[in-house]
């Protein structure tokens, strides 16, 4: 299998981390993708031109990260990172959705600075995205999740979201969220795949 990826993508990091944790990384070749290059084949592999995209041995391409994680869990026998029991399953999927939303809003903030001339930045748009992040972090700080022996998709996604806020926003979230700081630090200490998938400094 081939994973089209980028070292800085938190969504690709979710997939790479899960593959290591599930013992599937030896079956996946990670190749870079430039989503802004019209000539990059990622646009043929995923019509949306987004990463991560997982090219299977038969040529079928899976996207987005949530679908890929479900496939990897299936390959590993099922119930490993997506619990089978309904209550635990939907708790994991709900947490993943919240963490993915933090990453989505964070990336849109980054893109506003990267793609739009500074004189044309739209403060209301930036504030709108920042508000999503702030509310999500406050909700999680009030009731931080636990960590399973093999972390669930939600726990993986949250670690990636917090790490992305460190990577792109200089850890500005940490001061007001000590319980989430402990969460990500404990996760990093217990899950070697977290350090193994860190973006370049």
Protein backbone atom coordinates (compact mmCIF):
# COMPACT_ATOMS: atom_id res chain seq x y z
CA UNK A 1 0.00 0.00 0.00
CA UNK A 2 1.06 3.59 -0.62
CA UNK A 3 0.17 6.47 1.69
CA UNK A 4 0.21 9.89 0.05
CA UNK A 5 1.15 12.18 2.85
CA UNK A 6 2.99 15.26 4.09
CA UNK A 7 5.12 15.43 7.24
CA UNK A 8 3.22 18.51 8.48
CA UNK A 9 -0.31 17.16 7.98
CA UNK A 10 -2.00 16.25 11.28
CA UNK A 11 -4.51 14.10 9.41
CA UNK A 12 -1.74 12.12 7.73
CA UNK A 13 -0.04 11.84 11.11
CA UNK A 14 -3.16 10.15 12.49
CA UNK A 15 -2.86 7.48 9.81
CA UNK A 16 0.88 7.01 10.18
CA UNK A 17 0.57 6.72 13.95
CA UNK A 18 -2.26 4.22 13.74
CA UNK A 19 -0.36 2.11 11.20
CA UNK A 20 2.62 1.86 13.56
CA UNK A 21 0.43 1.06 16.57
CA UNK A 22 -1.38 -1.67 14.63
CA UNK A 23 1.83 -3.19 13.28
CA UNK A 24 0.90 -2.34 9.69
CA UNK A 25 3.56 0.25 8.92
CA UNK A 26 5.75 -2.39 7.24
CA UNK A 27 3.01 -2.86 4.65
CA UNK A 28 2.75 0.84 3.80
CA UNK A 29 5.13 2.99 1.77
CA UNK A 30 4.78 6.67 2.64
CA UNK A 31 5.30 9.04 -0.29
CA UNK A 32 5.06 12.80 -0.32
CA UNK A 33 2.28 14.71 -2.01
CA UNK A 34 2.13 18.36 -3.02
CA UNK A 35 -1.55 19.26 -2.89
CA UNK A 36 -1.00 22.67 -4.56
CA UNK A 37 0.87 21.26 -7.56
CA UNK A 38 -1.58 20.57 -10.41
CA UNK A 39 0.82 17.98 -11.79
CA UNK A 40 0.94 15.91 -8.60
CA UNK A 41 -0.78 12.56 -9.09
CA UNK A 42 -2.60 12.95 -5.76
CA UNK A 43 -5.30 14.84 -7.70
CA UNK A 44 -5.92 11.73 -9.79
CA UNK A 45 -5.81 9.44 -6.78
CA UNK A 46 -8.17 11.63 -4.76
CA UNK A 47 -10.40 13.94 -6.83
CA UNK A 48 -10.43 16.36 -3.89
CA UNK A 49 -6.65 16.63 -4.11
CA UNK A 50 -6.34 16.16 -0.35
CA UNK A 51 -4.17 14.05 1.90
CA UNK A 52 -3.96 11.53 3.35
CA UNK A 53 -4.88 9.12 0.58
CA UNK A 54 -4.15 5.40 0.85
CA UNK A 55 -3.58 3.54 -2.40
CA UNK A 56 -4.45 -0.12 -1.87
CA UNK A 57 -2.75 -3.04 -3.59
CA UNK A 58 -5.63 -3.36 -6.06
CA UNK A 59 -5.43 0.33 -6.99
CA UNK A 60 -8.46 1.48 -5.00
CA UNK A 61 -7.74 4.73 -3.15
CA UNK A 62 -9.19 5.41 0.30
CA UNK A 63 -9.69 8.89 1.77
CA UNK A 64 -10.09 10.73 4.18
CA UNK A 65 -8.23 9.90 7.40
CA UNK A 66 -11.34 8.54 9.15
CA UNK A 67 -12.02 6.07 6.36
CA UNK A 68 -8.36 5.04 6.23
CA UNK A 69 -8.26 4.46 9.99
CA UNK A 70 -11.34 2.28 9.79
CA UNK A 71 -9.69 0.27 7.02
CA UNK A 72 -6.48 -0.15 9.02
CA UNK A 73 -8.47 -1.28 12.05
CA UNK A 74 -10.22 -3.82 9.80
CA UNK A 75 -6.86 -5.09 8.49
CA UNK A 76 -5.64 -5.50 12.07
CA UNK A 77 -8.61 -7.70 12.94
CA UNK A 78 -11.13 -5.07 14.02
CA UNK A 79 -11.90 -3.53 17.38
CA UNK A 80 -8.34 -2.39 17.96
CA UNK A 81 -8.61 1.40 17.59
CA UNK A 82 -12.35 1.55 16.86
CA UNK A 83 -14.12 -0.26 19.69
CA UNK A 84 -16.77 -2.81 18.76
CA UNK A 85 -19.01 -2.17 21.77
CA UNK A 86 -21.48 0.56 20.70
CA UNK A 87 -21.09 2.96 23.63
CA UNK A 88 -17.28 2.92 23.44
CA UNK A 89 -17.37 3.03 19.63
CA UNK A 90 -19.47 6.16 19.43
CA UNK A 91 -17.49 7.83 22.21
CA UNK A 92 -14.30 7.23 20.19
CA UNK A 93 -15.89 8.44 16.96
CA UNK A 94 -17.33 11.51 18.68
CA UNK A 95 -13.95 12.41 20.15
CA UNK A 96 -12.35 11.91 16.75
CA UNK A 97 -14.90 14.28 15.17
CA UNK A 98 -14.17 16.94 17.79
CA UNK A 99 -10.40 16.60 17.40
CA UNK A 100 -10.69 16.60 13.60
CA UNK A 101 -12.72 19.80 13.89
CA UNK A 102 -9.89 21.41 15.87
CA UNK A 103 -7.47 20.41 13.12
CA UNK A 104 -9.78 21.64 10.34
CA UNK A 105 -10.25 25.04 11.97
CA UNK A 106 -6.54 25.32 12.75
CA UNK A 107 -5.58 24.55 9.16
CA UNK A 108 -8.03 27.18 7.89
CA UNK A 109 -6.36 29.72 10.17
CA UNK A 110 -2.97 28.74 8.74
CA UNK A 111 -4.27 28.96 5.17
CA UNK A 112 -5.68 32.44 5.76
CA UNK A 113 -2.17 33.61 6.58
CA UNK A 114 -0.51 31.59 3.84
CA UNK A 115 -2.84 32.19 0.92
CA UNK A 116 -4.31 35.64 1.43
CA UNK A 117 -2.36 38.90 1.32
CA UNK A 118 -2.04 40.30 4.83
CA UNK A 119 -3.90 43.47 3.80
CA UNK A 120 -6.87 41.29 2.84
CA UNK A 121 -7.05 39.08 5.91
CA UNK A 122 -10.60 38.77 7.18
CA UNK A 123 -10.52 39.09 10.99
CA UNK A 124 -14.07 37.80 11.38
CA UNK A 125 -13.17 34.62 9.49
CA UNK A 126 -10.06 34.07 11.60
CA UNK A 127 -12.03 34.73 14.79
CA UNK A 128 -14.74 32.33 13.64
CA UNK A 129 -12.20 29.52 13.25
CA UNK A 130 -10.42 30.43 16.48
CA UNK A 131 -13.74 30.28 18.31
CA UNK A 132 -14.27 26.68 17.18
CA UNK A 133 -10.87 25.74 18.55
CA UNK A 134 -11.37 27.59 21.82
CA UNK A 135 -14.77 26.01 22.50
CA UNK A 136 -13.54 22.54 21.64
CA UNK A 137 -10.47 22.87 23.85
CA UNK A 138 -12.56 24.23 26.73
CA UNK A 139 -14.95 21.28 26.43
CA UNK A 140 -12.07 18.81 26.45
CA UNK A 141 -10.30 20.56 29.30
CA UNK A 142 -13.45 20.22 31.39
CA UNK A 143 -13.60 16.48 30.74
CA UNK A 144 -10.37 15.17 29.21
CA UNK A 145 -10.56 11.64 27.82
CA UNK A 146 -8.70 8.68 29.18
CA UNK A 147 -6.22 6.65 27.17
CA UNK A 148 -6.81 3.02 26.32
CA UNK A 149 -3.90 0.56 26.28
CA UNK A 150 -4.19 0.76 22.50
CA UNK A 151 -5.49 4.31 21.98
CA UNK A 152 -8.73 4.71 20.09
CA UNK A 153 -9.15 6.79 16.94
CA UNK A 154 -10.45 9.61 19.11
CA UNK A 155 -7.49 9.55 21.47
CA UNK A 156 -5.08 9.43 18.51
CA UNK A 157 -6.84 12.33 16.82
CA UNK A 158 -6.77 14.47 19.96
CA UNK A 159 -3.03 13.91 20.44
CA UNK A 160 -2.48 14.94 16.80
CA UNK A 161 -4.70 18.01 17.17
CA UNK A 162 -2.88 19.25 20.27
CA UNK A 163 0.49 18.56 18.67
CA UNK A 164 -0.58 20.53 15.59
CA UNK A 165 -1.48 23.49 17.79
CA UNK A 166 2.04 23.23 19.22
CA UNK A 167 3.56 22.97 15.74
CA UNK A 168 1.71 25.83 14.04
CA UNK A 169 0.61 28.02 16.95
CA UNK A 170 3.63 27.77 19.28
CA UNK A 171 1.76 25.95 22.04
CA UNK A 172 -0.40 28.98 22.84
CA UNK A 173 -3.21 26.63 23.95
CA UNK A 174 -1.19 25.18 26.82
CA UNK A 175 -1.45 28.02 29.35
CA UNK A 176 -5.22 27.66 29.81
CA UNK A 177 -5.51 23.89 29.41
CA UNK A 178 -3.30 22.12 31.98
CA UNK A 179 -5.34 18.91 31.91
CA UNK A 180 -4.92 18.64 28.15
CA UNK A 181 -1.20 19.34 28.53
CA UNK A 182 -1.03 16.34 30.84
CA UNK A 183 -3.07 14.30 28.38
CA UNK A 184 -0.74 14.90 25.44
CA UNK A 185 2.40 14.53 27.55
CA UNK A 186 1.18 11.23 29.00
CA UNK A 187 0.17 10.09 25.51
CA UNK A 188 3.62 10.94 24.14
CA UNK A 189 5.33 9.05 26.96
CA UNK A 190 3.20 5.94 26.46
CA UNK A 191 2.91 5.81 22.67
CA UNK A 192 6.27 5.65 20.82
CA UNK A 193 4.46 6.22 17.50
CA UNK A 194 3.74 9.77 18.62
CA UNK A 195 7.43 10.77 18.53
CA UNK A 196 8.07 8.62 15.45
CA UNK A 197 5.53 10.62 13.44
CA UNK A 198 6.44 14.13 14.65
CA UNK A 199 6.76 16.76 11.90
CA UNK A 200 10.20 18.22 11.22
CA UNK A 201 11.18 21.01 13.59
